[in-house]
Amino acid sequence: MARVTIRIDDALYERLQVRARKVGVSVAELLRPAIDQAADPRGGYVYTTQDEILSCVLQTLSIVAAFVRRRSPETLEQGMADAKALLDAKGLLGPEQQS
């Protein structure tokens, strides 16, 4: 198994230790999933601490989309096309999602 050594500041390491202790793992075990995601050959999503906010935003947008779908399917279709174009422009779509 390969070994990776990185230098981080002491305050960050202490925060990682606290977080790892809270979930009952070592710092290395805590970091392995993030490193695995960062190395995703498909360029997939890398977990951030903002995931809780993202989850709430996605739930809210799903509710809005359901409401708009009932009122005006054409508006929903146009909004989804606009959103896809914006995501594509930011490089946030995978190759299979690009038009």
PDB file of N, CA and C in Angstrom:
ATOM      1  N   MET A   1       0.853  -1.171   0.000  1.00  0.00           N
ATOM      2  CA  MET A   1       0.000   0.000   0.000  1.00  0.00           C
ATOM      3  C   MET A   1       0.899   1.235   0.000  1.00  0.00           C
ATOM      4  N   ALA A   2       0.558   2.206  -0.831  1.00  0.00           N
ATOM      5  CA  ALA A   2       1.337   3.440  -0.912  1.00  0.00           C
ATOM      6  C   ALA A   2       1.066   4.325   0.304  1.00  0.00           C
ATOM      7  N   ARG A   3       1.992   5.212   0.571  1.00  0.00           N
ATOM      8  CA  ARG A   3       1.859   6.140   1.689  1.00  0.00           C
ATOM      9  C   ARG A   3       1.952   7.555   1.137  1.00  0.00           C
ATOM     10  N   VAL A   4       1.093   8.446   1.642  1.00  0.00           N
ATOM     11  CA  VAL A   4       1.112   9.853   1.263  1.00  0.00           C
ATOM     12  C   VAL A   4       1.398  10.665   2.517  1.00  0.00           C
ATOM     13  N   THR A   5       2.322  11.593   2.412  1.00  0.00           N
ATOM     14  CA  THR A   5       2.645  12.473   3.531  1.00  0.00           C
ATOM     15  C   THR A   5       2.362  13.898   3.096  1.00  0.00           C
ATOM     16  N   ILE A   6       1.560  14.604   3.887  1.00  0.00           N
ATOM     17  CA  ILE A   6       1.287  16.011   3.594  1.00  0.00           C
ATOM     18  C   ILE A   6       1.515  16.823   4.863  1.00  0.00           C
ATOM     19  N   ARG A   7       1.810  18.082   4.676  1.00  0.00           N
ATOM     20  CA  ARG A   7       1.980  18.982   5.822  1.00  0.00           C
ATOM     21  C   ARG A   7       0.756  19.886   5.896  1.00  0.00           C
ATOM     22  N   ILE A   8       0.166  19.968   7.085  1.00  0.00           N
ATOM     23  CA  ILE A   8      -0.954  20.869   7.331  1.00  0.00           C
ATOM     24  C   ILE A   8      -0.673  21.623   8.622  1.00  0.00           C
ATOM     25  N   ASP A   9      -1.321  22.759   8.783  1.00  0.00           N
ATOM     26  CA  ASP A   9      -1.031  23.518  10.009  1.00  0.00           C
ATOM     27  C   ASP A   9      -1.625  22.810  11.222  1.00  0.00           C
ATOM     28  N   ASP A  10      -1.062  23.133  12.364  1.00  0.00           N
ATOM     29  CA  ASP A  10      -1.429  22.441  13.606  1.00  0.00           C
ATOM     30  C   ASP A  10      -2.909  22.597  13.957  1.00  0.00           C
ATOM     31  N   ALA A  11      -3.457  23.787  13.727  1.00  0.00           N
ATOM     32  CA  ALA A  11      -4.867  24.024  14.065  1.00  0.00           C
ATOM     33  C   ALA A  11      -5.782  23.132  13.229  1.00  0.00           C
ATOM     34  N   LEU A  12      -5.470  22.986  11.953  1.00  0.00           N
ATOM     35  CA  LEU A  12      -6.273  22.113  11.089  1.00  0.00           C
ATOM     36  C   LEU A  12      -6.165  20.668  11.557  1.00  0.00           C
ATOM     37  N   TYR A  13      -4.956  20.219  11.882  1.00  0.00           N
ATOM     38  CA  TYR A  13      -4.776  18.853  12.352  1.00  0.00           C
ATOM     39  C   TYR A  13      -5.563  18.601  13.635  1.00  0.00           C
ATOM     40  N   GLU A  14      -5.545  19.566  14.539  1.00  0.00           N
ATOM     41  CA  GLU A  14      -6.303  19.417  15.786  1.00  0.00           C
ATOM     42  C   GLU A  14      -7.797  19.296  15.504  1.00  0.00           C
ATOM     43  N   ARG A  15      -8.320  20.100  14.549  1.00  0.00           N
ATOM     44  CA  ARG A  15      -9.745  19.992  14.191  1.00  0.00           C
ATOM     45  C   ARG A  15     -10.058  18.635  13.583  1.00  0.00           C
ATOM     46  N   LEU A  16      -9.133  18.121  12.765  1.00  0.00           N
ATOM     47  CA  LEU A  16      -9.325  16.792  12.186  1.00  0.00           C
ATOM     48  C   LEU A  16      -9.329  15.723  13.270  1.00  0.00           C
ATOM     49  N   GLN A  17      -8.446  15.859  14.244  1.00  0.00           N
ATOM     50  CA  GLN A  17      -8.403  14.887  15.344  1.00  0.00           C
ATOM     51  C   GLN A  17      -9.714  14.898  16.130  1.00  0.00           C
ATOM     52  N   VAL A  18     -10.227  16.082  16.410  1.00  0.00           N
ATOM     53  CA  VAL A  18     -11.494  16.187  17.141  1.00  0.00           C
ATOM     54  C   VAL A  18     -12.605  15.519  16.353  1.00  0.00           C
ATOM     55  N   ARG A  19     -12.678  15.811  15.070  1.00  0.00           N
ATOM     56  CA  ARG A  19     -13.729  15.233  14.224  1.00  0.00           C
ATOM     57  C   ARG A  19     -13.598  13.716  14.149  1.00  0.00           C
ATOM     58  N   ALA A  20     -12.373  13.240  13.978  1.00  0.00           N
ATOM     59  CA  ALA A  20     -12.135  11.791  13.896  1.00  0.00           C
ATOM     60  C   ALA A  20     -12.538  11.101  15.195  1.00  0.00           C
ATOM     61  N   ARG A  21     -12.173  11.697  16.330  1.00  0.00           N
ATOM     62  CA  ARG A  21     -12.549  11.111  17.630  1.00  0.00           C
ATOM     63  C   ARG A  21     -14.065  11.033  17.772  1.00  0.00           C
ATOM     64  N   LYS A  22     -14.764  12.070  17.317  1.00  0.00           N
ATOM     65  CA  LYS A  22     -16.225  12.092  17.455  1.00  0.00           C
ATOM     66  C   LYS A  22     -16.884  10.937  16.717  1.00  0.00           C
ATOM     67  N   VAL A  23     -16.288  10.535  15.592  1.00  0.00           N
ATOM     68  CA  VAL A  23     -16.888   9.429  14.828  1.00  0.00           C
ATOM     69  C   VAL A  23     -16.163   8.104  15.044  1.00  0.00           C
ATOM     70  N   GLY A  24     -15.157   8.108  15.923  1.00  0.00           N
ATOM     71  CA  GLY A  24     -14.498   6.864  16.305  1.00  0.00           C
ATOM     72  C   GLY A  24     -13.555   6.284  15.275  1.00  0.00           C
ATOM     73  N   VAL A  25     -12.857   7.142  14.534  1.00  0.00           N
ATOM     74  CA  VAL A  25     -11.891   6.665  13.544  1.00  0.00           C
ATOM     75  C   VAL A  25     -10.590   7.449  13.700  1.00  0.00           C
ATOM     76  N   SER A  26      -9.559   6.987  13.018  1.00  0.00           N
ATOM     77  CA  SER A  26      -8.298   7.731  12.997  1.00  0.00           C
ATOM     78  C   SER A  26      -8.410   8.873  11.988  1.00  0.00           C
ATOM     79  N   VAL A  27      -7.464   9.801  12.060  1.00  0.00           N
ATOM     80  CA  VAL A  27      -7.454  10.901  11.093  1.00  0.00           C
ATOM     81  C   VAL A  27      -7.292  10.338   9.676  1.00  0.00           C
ATOM     82  N   ALA A  28      -6.436   9.345   9.516  1.00  0.00           N
ATOM     83  CA  ALA A  28      -6.239   8.733   8.192  1.00  0.00           C
ATOM     84  C   ALA A  28      -7.548   8.142   7.664  1.00  0.00           C
ATOM     85  N   GLU A  29      -8.275   7.424   8.527  1.00  0.00           N
ATOM     86  CA  GLU A  29      -9.557   6.840   8.111  1.00  0.00           C
ATOM     87  C   GLU A  29     -10.572   7.918   7.756  1.00  0.00           C
ATOM     88  N   LEU A  30     -10.521   9.028   8.470  1.00  0.00           N
ATOM     89  CA  LEU A  30     -11.428  10.136   8.186  1.00  0.00           C
ATOM     90  C   LEU A  30     -11.143  10.740   6.808  1.00  0.00           C
ATOM     91  N   LEU A  31      -9.864  10.822   6.450  1.00  0.00           N
ATOM     92  CA  LEU A  31      -9.466  11.484   5.203  1.00  0.00           C
ATOM     93  C   LEU A  31      -9.524  10.584   3.970  1.00  0.00           C
ATOM     94  N   ARG A  32      -9.430   9.283   4.139  1.00  0.00           N
ATOM     95  CA  ARG A  32      -9.394   8.385   2.972  1.00  0.00           C
ATOM     96  C   ARG A  32     -10.577   8.559   2.011  1.00  0.00           C
ATOM     97  N   PRO A  33     -11.827   8.650   2.493  1.00  0.00           N
ATOM     98  CA  PRO A  33     -12.931   8.842   1.544  1.00  0.00           C
ATOM     99  C   PRO A  33     -12.819  10.141   0.733  1.00  0.00           C
ATOM    100  N   ALA A  34     -12.347  11.206   1.356  1.00  0.00           N
ATOM    101  CA  ALA A  34     -12.188  12.473   0.633  1.00  0.00           C
ATOM    102  C   ALA A  34     -11.108  12.353  -0.432  1.00  0.00           C
ATOM    103  N   ILE A  35     -10.026  11.661  -0.111  1.00  0.00           N
ATOM    104  CA  ILE A  35      -8.951  11.453  -1.086  1.00  0.00           C
ATOM    105  C   ILE A  35      -9.443  10.572  -2.223  1.00  0.00           C
ATOM    106  N   ASP A  36     -10.206   9.542  -1.890  1.00  0.00           N
ATOM    107  CA  ASP A  36     -10.765   8.652  -2.914  1.00  0.00           C
ATOM    108  C   ASP A  36     -11.680   9.430  -3.860  1.00  0.00           C
ATOM    109  N   GLN A  37     -12.527  10.285  -3.312  1.00  0.00           N
ATOM    110  CA  GLN A  37     -13.416  11.092  -4.154  1.00  0.00           C
ATOM    111  C   GLN A  37     -12.629  12.070  -5.016  1.00  0.00           C
ATOM    112  N   ALA A  38     -11.571  12.657  -4.467  1.00  0.00           N
ATOM    113  CA  ALA A  38     -10.761  13.614  -5.224  1.00  0.00           C
ATOM    114  C   ALA A  38     -10.074  12.941  -6.405  1.00  0.00           C
ATOM    115  N   ALA A  39      -9.813  11.643  -6.296  1.00  0.00           N
ATOM    116  CA  ALA A  39      -9.140  10.899  -7.355  1.00  0.00           C
ATOM    117  C   ALA A  39     -10.116  10.209  -8.311  1.00  0.00           C
ATOM    118  N   ASP A  40     -11.387  10.496  -8.207  1.00  0.00           N
ATOM    119  CA  ASP A  40     -12.405   9.872  -9.066  1.00  0.00           C
ATOM    120  C   ASP A  40     -12.056  10.104 -10.531  1.00  0.00           C
ATOM    121  N   PRO A  41     -11.829   9.036 -11.300  1.00  0.00           N
ATOM    122  CA  PRO A  41     -11.447   9.210 -12.710  1.00  0.00           C
ATOM    123  C   PRO A  41     -12.542   9.853 -13.559  1.00  0.00           C
ATOM    124  N   ARG A  42     -13.761   9.847 -13.072  1.00  0.00           N
ATOM    125  CA  ARG A  42     -14.855  10.479 -13.813  1.00  0.00           C
ATOM    126  C   ARG A  42     -14.964  11.964 -13.477  1.00  0.00           C
ATOM    127  N   GLY A  43     -14.079  12.449 -12.602  1.00  0.00           N
ATOM    128  CA  GLY A  43     -14.129  13.848 -12.210  1.00  0.00           C
ATOM    129  C   GLY A  43     -15.365  14.155 -11.389  1.00  0.00           C
ATOM    130  N   GLY A  44     -15.792  13.174 -10.617  1.00  0.00           N
ATOM    131  CA  GLY A  44     -17.027  13.302  -9.861  1.00  0.00           C
ATOM    132  C   GLY A  44     -16.942  14.312  -8.737  1.00  0.00           C
ATOM    133  N   TYR A  45     -18.044  14.471  -8.086  1.00  0.00           N
ATOM    134  CA  TYR A  45     -18.205  15.432  -7.012  1.00  0.00           C
ATOM    135  C   TYR A  45     -17.311  15.097  -5.828  1.00  0.00           C
ATOM    136  N   VAL A  46     -16.653  16.090  -5.286  1.00  0.00           N
ATOM    137  CA  VAL A  46     -15.825  15.920  -4.098  1.00  0.00           C
ATOM    138  C   VAL A  46     -16.582  16.506  -2.914  1.00  0.00           C
ATOM    139  N   TYR A  47     -16.738  15.727  -1.866  1.00  0.00           N
ATOM    140  CA  TYR A  47     -17.474  16.145  -0.675  1.00  0.00           C
ATOM    141  C   TYR A  47     -16.862  17.412  -0.091  1.00  0.00           C
ATOM    142  N   THR A  48     -17.704  18.317   0.322  1.00  0.00           N
ATOM    143  CA  THR A  48     -17.256  19.509   1.041  1.00  0.00           C
ATOM    144  C   THR A  48     -18.108  19.664   2.288  1.00  0.00           C
ATOM    145  N   THR A  49     -17.706  20.553   3.149  1.00  0.00           N
ATOM    146  CA  THR A  49     -18.483  20.792   4.349  1.00  0.00           C
ATOM    147  C   THR A  49     -19.778  21.508   4.034  1.00  0.00           C
ATOM    148  N   GLN A  50     -19.972  21.920   2.790  1.00  0.00           N
ATOM    149  CA  GLN A  50     -21.184  22.616   2.391  1.00  0.00           C
ATOM    150  C   GLN A  50     -22.282  21.645   1.952  1.00  0.00           C
ATOM    151  N   ASP A  51     -22.056  20.357   2.090  1.00  0.00           N
ATOM    152  CA  ASP A  51     -23.036  19.377   1.622  1.00  0.00           C
ATOM    153  C   ASP A  51     -24.385  19.497   2.317  1.00  0.00           C
ATOM    154  N   GLU A  52     -24.401  19.874   3.582  1.00  0.00           N
ATOM    155  CA  GLU A  52     -25.675  20.024   4.282  1.00  0.00           C
ATOM    156  C   GLU A  52     -26.493  21.145   3.659  1.00  0.00           C
ATOM    157  N   ILE A  53     -25.823  22.246   3.321  1.00  0.00           N
ATOM    158  CA  ILE A  53     -26.503  23.368   2.662  1.00  0.00           C
ATOM    159  C   ILE A  53     -26.970  22.936   1.287  1.00  0.00           C
ATOM    160  N   LEU A  54     -26.116  22.245   0.550  1.00  0.00           N
ATOM    161  CA  LEU A  54     -26.491  21.768  -0.784  1.00  0.00           C
ATOM    162  C   LEU A  54     -27.716  20.871  -0.711  1.00  0.00           C
ATOM    163  N   SER A  55     -27.771  20.014   0.287  1.00  0.00           N
ATOM    164  CA  SER A  55     -28.912  19.125   0.464  1.00  0.00           C
ATOM    165  C   SER A  55     -30.202  19.914   0.632  1.00  0.00           C
ATOM    166  N   CYS A  56     -30.158  20.947   1.471  1.00  0.00           N
ATOM    167  CA  CYS A  56     -31.354  21.782   1.689  1.00  0.00           C
ATOM    168  C   CYS A  56     -31.755  22.512   0.418  1.00  0.00           C
ATOM    169  N   VAL A  57     -30.770  23.026  -0.308  1.00  0.00           N
ATOM    170  CA  VAL A  57     -31.057  23.742  -1.557  1.00  0.00           C
ATOM    171  C   VAL A  57     -31.701  22.793  -2.558  1.00  0.00           C
ATOM    172  N   LEU A  58     -31.168  21.584  -2.683  1.00  0.00           N
ATOM    173  CA  LEU A  58     -31.738  20.624  -3.631  1.00  0.00           C
ATOM    174  C   LEU A  58     -33.173  20.248  -3.263  1.00  0.00           C
ATOM    175  N   GLN A  59     -33.444  20.083  -1.980  1.00  0.00           N
ATOM    176  CA  GLN A  59     -34.807  19.773  -1.550  1.00  0.00           C
ATOM    177  C   GLN A  59     -35.755  20.920  -1.887  1.00  0.00           C
ATOM    178  N   THR A  60     -35.311  22.139  -1.617  1.00  0.00           N
ATOM    179  CA  THR A  60     -36.134  23.318  -1.916  1.00  0.00           C
ATOM    180  C   THR A  60     -36.396  23.437  -3.406  1.00  0.00           C
ATOM    181  N   LEU A  61     -35.358  23.253  -4.208  1.00  0.00           N
ATOM    182  CA  LEU A  61     -35.536  23.350  -5.658  1.00  0.00           C
ATOM    183  C   LEU A  61     -36.438  22.238  -6.193  1.00  0.00           C
ATOM    184  N   SER A  62     -36.386  21.079  -5.579  1.00  0.00           N
ATOM    185  CA  SER A  62     -37.273  19.990  -5.993  1.00  0.00           C
ATOM    186  C   SER A  62     -38.732  20.347  -5.733  1.00  0.00           C
ATOM    187  N   ILE A  63     -38.993  20.977  -4.604  1.00  0.00           N
ATOM    188  CA  ILE A  63     -40.362  21.404  -4.288  1.00  0.00           C
ATOM    189  C   ILE A  63     -40.821  22.472  -5.278  1.00  0.00           C
ATOM    190  N   VAL A  64     -39.952  23.436  -5.558  1.00  0.00           N
ATOM    191  CA  VAL A  64     -40.296  24.495  -6.524  1.00  0.00           C
ATOM    192  C   VAL A  64     -40.543  23.888  -7.902  1.00  0.00           C
ATOM    193  N   ALA A  65     -39.703  22.961  -8.319  1.00  0.00           N
ATOM    194  CA  ALA A  65     -39.871  22.328  -9.629  1.00  0.00           C
ATOM    195  C   ALA A  65     -41.196  21.571  -9.710  1.00  0.00           C
ATOM    196  N   ALA A  66     -41.567  20.878  -8.647  1.00  0.00           N
ATOM    197  CA  ALA A  66     -42.848  20.161  -8.636  1.00  0.00           C
ATOM    198  C   ALA A  66     -44.016  21.140  -8.764  1.00  0.00           C
ATOM    199  N   PHE A  67     -43.917  22.264  -8.077  1.00  0.00           N
ATOM    200  CA  PHE A  67     -44.960  23.284  -8.162  1.00  0.00           C
ATOM    201  C   PHE A  67     -45.051  23.855  -9.574  1.00  0.00           C
ATOM    202  N   VAL A  68     -43.909  24.216 -10.150  1.00  0.00           N
ATOM    203  CA  VAL A  68     -43.889  24.791 -11.499  1.00  0.00           C
ATOM    204  C   VAL A  68     -44.389  23.776 -12.522  1.00  0.00           C
ATOM    205  N   ARG A  69     -44.026  22.512 -12.359  1.00  0.00           N
ATOM    206  CA  ARG A  69     -44.461  21.463 -13.300  1.00  0.00           C
ATOM    207  C   ARG A  69     -45.988  21.414 -13.384  1.00  0.00           C
ATOM    208  N   ARG A  70     -46.643  21.545 -12.236  1.00  0.00           N
ATOM    209  CA  ARG A  70     -48.116  21.510 -12.216  1.00  0.00           C
ATOM    210  C   ARG A  70     -48.718  22.742 -12.879  1.00  0.00           C
ATOM    211  N   ARG A  71     -48.099  23.884 -12.652  1.00  0.00           N
ATOM    212  CA  ARG A  71     -48.638  25.142 -13.166  1.00  0.00           C
ATOM    213  C   ARG A  71     -48.307  25.365 -14.633  1.00  0.00           C
ATOM    214  N   SER A  72     -47.067  25.033 -15.028  1.00  0.00           N
ATOM    215  CA  SER A  72     -46.631  25.309 -16.395  1.00  0.00           C
ATOM    216  C   SER A  72     -45.479  24.395 -16.788  1.00  0.00           C
ATOM    217  N   PRO A  73     -45.797  23.252 -17.386  1.00  0.00           N
ATOM    218  CA  PRO A  73     -44.734  22.340 -17.804  1.00  0.00           C
ATOM    219  C   PRO A  73     -43.720  22.992 -18.760  1.00  0.00           C
ATOM    220  N   GLU A  74     -44.194  23.938 -19.580  1.00  0.00           N
ATOM    221  CA  GLU A  74     -43.292  24.609 -20.520  1.00  0.00           C
ATOM    222  C   GLU A  74     -42.261  25.457 -19.775  1.00  0.00           C
ATOM    223  N   THR A  75     -42.697  26.127 -18.711  1.00  0.00           N
ATOM    224  CA  THR A  75     -41.782  26.939 -17.909  1.00  0.00           C
ATOM    225  C   THR A  75     -40.739  26.059 -17.235  1.00  0.00           C
ATOM    226  N   LEU A  76     -41.165  24.918 -16.726  1.00  0.00           N
ATOM    227  CA  LEU A  76     -40.229  23.990 -16.110  1.00  0.00           C
ATOM    228  C   LEU A  76     -39.210  23.510 -17.136  1.00  0.00           C
ATOM    229  N   GLU A  77     -39.669  23.147 -18.316  1.00  0.00           N
ATOM    230  CA  GLU A  77     -38.770  22.669 -19.370  1.00  0.00           C
ATOM    231  C   GLU A  77     -37.737  23.731 -19.722  1.00  0.00           C
ATOM    232  N   GLN A  78     -38.171  24.981 -19.863  1.00  0.00           N
ATOM    233  CA  GLN A  78     -37.243  26.063 -20.191  1.00  0.00           C
ATOM    234  C   GLN A  78     -36.265  26.302 -19.042  1.00  0.00           C
ATOM    235  N   GLY A  79     -36.762  26.264 -17.808  1.00  0.00           N
ATOM    236  CA  GLY A  79     -35.892  26.456 -16.647  1.00  0.00           C
ATOM    237  C   GLY A  79     -34.831  25.373 -16.544  1.00  0.00           C
ATOM    238  N   MET A  80     -35.222  24.143 -16.821  1.00  0.00           N
ATOM    239  CA  MET A  80     -34.256  23.042 -16.772  1.00  0.00           C
ATOM    240  C   MET A  80     -33.202  23.199 -17.868  1.00  0.00           C
ATOM    241  N   ALA A  81     -33.621  23.627 -19.049  1.00  0.00           N
ATOM    242  CA  ALA A  81     -32.664  23.861 -20.143  1.00  0.00           C
ATOM    243  C   ALA A  81     -31.698  24.990 -19.775  1.00  0.00           C
ATOM    244  N   ASP A  82     -32.228  26.062 -19.179  1.00  0.00           N
ATOM    245  CA  ASP A  82     -31.376  27.173 -18.751  1.00  0.00           C
ATOM    246  C   ASP A  82     -30.384  26.717 -17.681  1.00  0.00           C
ATOM    247  N   ALA A  83     -30.865  25.943 -16.719  1.00  0.00           N
ATOM    248  CA  ALA A  83     -30.000  25.447 -15.645  1.00  0.00           C
ATOM    249  C   ALA A  83     -28.898  24.562 -16.215  1.00  0.00           C
ATOM    250  N   LYS A  84     -29.244  23.704 -17.154  1.00  0.00           N
ATOM    251  CA  LYS A  84     -28.256  22.815 -17.772  1.00  0.00           C
ATOM    252  C   LYS A  84     -27.183  23.627 -18.487  1.00  0.00           C
ATOM    253  N   ALA A  85     -27.597  24.688 -19.183  1.00  0.00           N
ATOM    254  CA  ALA A  85     -26.633  25.536 -19.884  1.00  0.00           C
ATOM    255  C   ALA A  85     -25.688  26.222 -18.898  1.00  0.00           C
ATOM    256  N   LEU A  86     -26.237  26.697 -17.777  1.00  0.00           N
ATOM    257  CA  LEU A  86     -25.402  27.344 -16.762  1.00  0.00           C
ATOM    258  C   LEU A  86     -24.421  26.352 -16.133  1.00  0.00           C
ATOM    259  N   LEU A  87     -24.904  25.162 -15.811  1.00  0.00           N
ATOM    260  CA  LEU A  87     -24.031  24.133 -15.236  1.00  0.00           C
ATOM    261  C   LEU A  87     -22.935  23.736 -16.219  1.00  0.00           C
ATOM    262  N   ASP A  88     -23.294  23.613 -17.496  1.00  0.00           N
ATOM    263  CA  ASP A  88     -22.333  23.260 -18.531  1.00  0.00           C
ATOM    264  C   ASP A  88     -21.271  24.344 -18.660  1.00  0.00           C
ATOM    265  N   ALA A  89     -21.691  25.600 -18.629  1.00  0.00           N
ATOM    266  CA  ALA A  89     -20.749  26.718 -18.752  1.00  0.00           C
ATOM    267  C   ALA A  89     -19.750  26.741 -17.599  1.00  0.00           C
ATOM    268  N   LYS A  90     -20.164  26.262 -16.418  1.00  0.00           N
ATOM    269  CA  LYS A  90     -19.293  26.220 -15.242  1.00  0.00           C
ATOM    270  C   LYS A  90     -18.478  24.936 -15.164  1.00  0.00           C
ATOM    271  N   GLY A  91     -18.676  24.015 -16.119  1.00  0.00           N
ATOM    272  CA  GLY A  91     -17.950  22.751 -16.108  1.00  0.00           C
ATOM    273  C   GLY A  91     -18.446  21.778 -15.064  1.00  0.00           C
ATOM    274  N   LEU A  92     -19.725  21.891 -14.690  1.00  0.00           N
ATOM    275  CA  LEU A  92     -20.278  21.049 -13.636  1.00  0.00           C
ATOM    276  C   LEU A  92     -21.093  19.869 -14.146  1.00  0.00           C
ATOM    277  N   LEU A  93     -21.075  19.628 -15.437  1.00  0.00           N
ATOM    278  CA  LEU A  93     -21.789  18.475 -16.001  1.00  0.00           C
ATOM    279  C   LEU A  93     -20.775  17.431 -16.456  1.00  0.00           C
ATOM    280  N   GLY A  94     -21.112  16.181 -16.239  1.00  0.00           N
ATOM    281  CA  GLY A  94     -20.282  15.111 -16.746  1.00  0.00           C
ATOM    282  C   GLY A  94     -20.447  14.978 -18.249  1.00  0.00           C
ATOM    283  N   PRO A  95     -19.541  14.276 -18.913  1.00  0.00           N
ATOM    284  CA  PRO A  95     -19.618  14.137 -20.380  1.00  0.00           C
ATOM    285  C   PRO A  95     -20.960  13.568 -20.853  1.00  0.00           C
ATOM    286  N   GLU A  96     -21.528  12.646 -20.081  1.00  0.00           N
ATOM    287  CA  GLU A  96     -22.804  12.040 -20.481  1.00  0.00           C
ATOM    288  C   GLU A  96     -23.980  13.002 -20.348  1.00  0.00           C
ATOM    289  N   GLN A  97     -23.805  14.094 -19.602  1.00  0.00           N
ATOM    290  CA  GLN A  97     -24.883  15.064 -19.393  1.00  0.00           C
ATOM    291  C   GLN A  97     -24.793  16.263 -20.341  1.00  0.00           C
ATOM    292  N   GLN A  98     -23.648  16.402 -20.979  1.00  0.00           N
ATOM    293  CA  GLN A  98     -23.460  17.554 -21.875  1.00  0.00           C
ATOM    294  C   GLN A  98     -24.211  17.328 -23.173  1.00  0.00           C
ATOM    295  N   SER A  99     -24.669  18.470 -23.756  1.00  0.00           N
ATOM    296  CA  SER A  99     -25.419  18.347 -25.013  1.00  0.00           C
ATOM    297  C   SER A  99     -24.512  18.348 -26.207  1.00  0.00           C
TER     298      SER A  99
END
